[in-house]
Protein backbone atom coordinates (compact mmCIF):
# COMPACT_ATOMS: atom_id res chain seq x y z
CA MET A 1 79.66 87.03 99.12
CA ASN A 2 82.01 86.95 96.09
CA ASP A 3 85.53 85.74 97.08
CA GLN A 4 87.03 86.18 93.64
CA LYS A 5 89.56 89.02 93.19
CA PRO A 6 88.74 91.69 90.53
CA PHE A 7 90.81 91.28 87.44
CA PHE A 8 92.07 94.24 85.41
CA GLY A 9 93.60 94.14 81.93
CA ARG A 10 93.89 91.47 79.18
CA LYS A 11 96.44 88.83 78.70
CA GLU A 12 97.77 88.78 75.14
CA ILE A 13 97.95 85.19 73.58
CA GLY A 14 101.52 84.03 73.25
CA LYS A 15 103.01 86.63 75.46
CA GLN A 16 105.10 85.57 78.42
CA TYR A 17 104.27 87.37 81.75
CA THR A 18 106.19 87.62 85.03
CA ARG A 19 104.15 87.85 88.23
CA ARG A 20 105.13 91.04 90.16
CA LYS A 21 103.44 92.63 93.06
CA GLY A 22 102.44 96.20 92.59
CA VAL A 23 100.50 98.99 94.49
CA TYR A 24 98.21 101.70 93.22
CA ALA A 25 96.80 104.86 95.09
CA ILE A 26 93.29 106.18 94.95
CA ILE A 27 93.97 109.83 95.94
CA PHE A 28 91.26 112.24 97.05
CA ASP A 29 91.24 115.85 98.24
CA GLU A 30 89.68 117.12 101.40
CA GLN A 31 86.21 117.11 99.87
CA ARG A 32 86.58 113.36 98.91
CA LYS A 33 86.84 114.13 95.24
CA MET A 34 89.28 112.08 93.16
CA LEU A 35 92.39 114.18 92.79
CA ALA A 36 95.10 112.34 91.01
CA VAL A 37 95.03 109.96 88.08
CA MET A 38 97.63 109.57 85.24
CA LYS A 39 96.51 110.48 81.72
CA THR A 40 98.42 108.63 78.99
CA PRO A 41 97.69 107.98 75.26
CA ARG A 42 96.27 104.63 76.29
CA GLY A 43 93.84 106.09 78.91
CA TYR A 44 93.63 107.05 82.50
CA PHE A 45 95.57 105.17 85.26
CA LEU A 46 96.03 105.20 88.97
CA ALA A 47 99.47 106.33 90.20
CA GLY A 48 101.52 103.37 91.30
CA GLY A 49 103.56 100.52 89.98
CA GLY A 50 105.68 97.53 90.59
CA MET A 51 107.72 96.85 93.69
CA GLU A 52 111.45 97.02 93.61
CA GLY A 53 113.94 94.99 95.65
CA GLU A 54 112.82 94.38 99.37
CA GLU A 55 110.65 97.49 99.59
CA SER A 56 107.30 97.24 101.48
CA LEU A 57 103.93 97.92 99.87
CA GLU A 58 103.88 101.35 101.67
CA GLU A 59 107.49 102.20 100.49
CA CYS A 60 106.61 101.19 96.90
CA LEU A 61 103.45 103.39 96.94
CA GLN A 62 105.39 106.39 98.47
CA ARG A 63 108.17 106.06 95.88
CA GLU A 64 105.66 105.62 92.91
CA ALA A 65 103.66 108.61 93.93
CA LEU A 66 106.74 110.68 94.26
CA GLU A 67 108.06 109.55 90.88
CA GLU A 68 104.75 109.88 88.94
CA LEU A 69 102.96 112.87 90.81
CA GLY A 70 105.94 114.72 92.27
CA HIS A 71 104.31 114.64 95.77
CA ASP A 72 104.58 112.86 98.96
CA ILE A 73 101.40 111.08 100.01
CA LEU A 74 99.82 110.06 103.28
CA ILE A 75 98.55 106.47 103.18
CA LYS A 76 95.34 106.27 105.24
CA GLN A 77 93.64 102.94 104.27
CA TYR A 78 94.22 99.71 102.52
CA ILE A 79 91.33 99.00 100.26
CA GLY A 80 91.96 95.49 98.79
CA ASN A 81 93.74 93.63 96.13
CA ALA A 82 93.16 92.50 92.55
CA GLU A 83 94.97 90.57 89.68
CA LYS A 84 96.24 92.31 86.77
């Protein structure tokens, strides 16, 4: 079994980074087809983002989905975590 976390993105040499927890949603419709991704000039991204203040993971995900997609979401399952 591989206990390493998946890692996404690339660190730029010489750039300072601040560690910050974030959450992202994989959203499916009733037929289990992927429904929501964000399309930007840099590519496709999952809805979500960094936590603010003392909010919980669930509160953060609800807020980010509403901000980015304009919809409330029902959180059904935690999938896992990764480093970015």
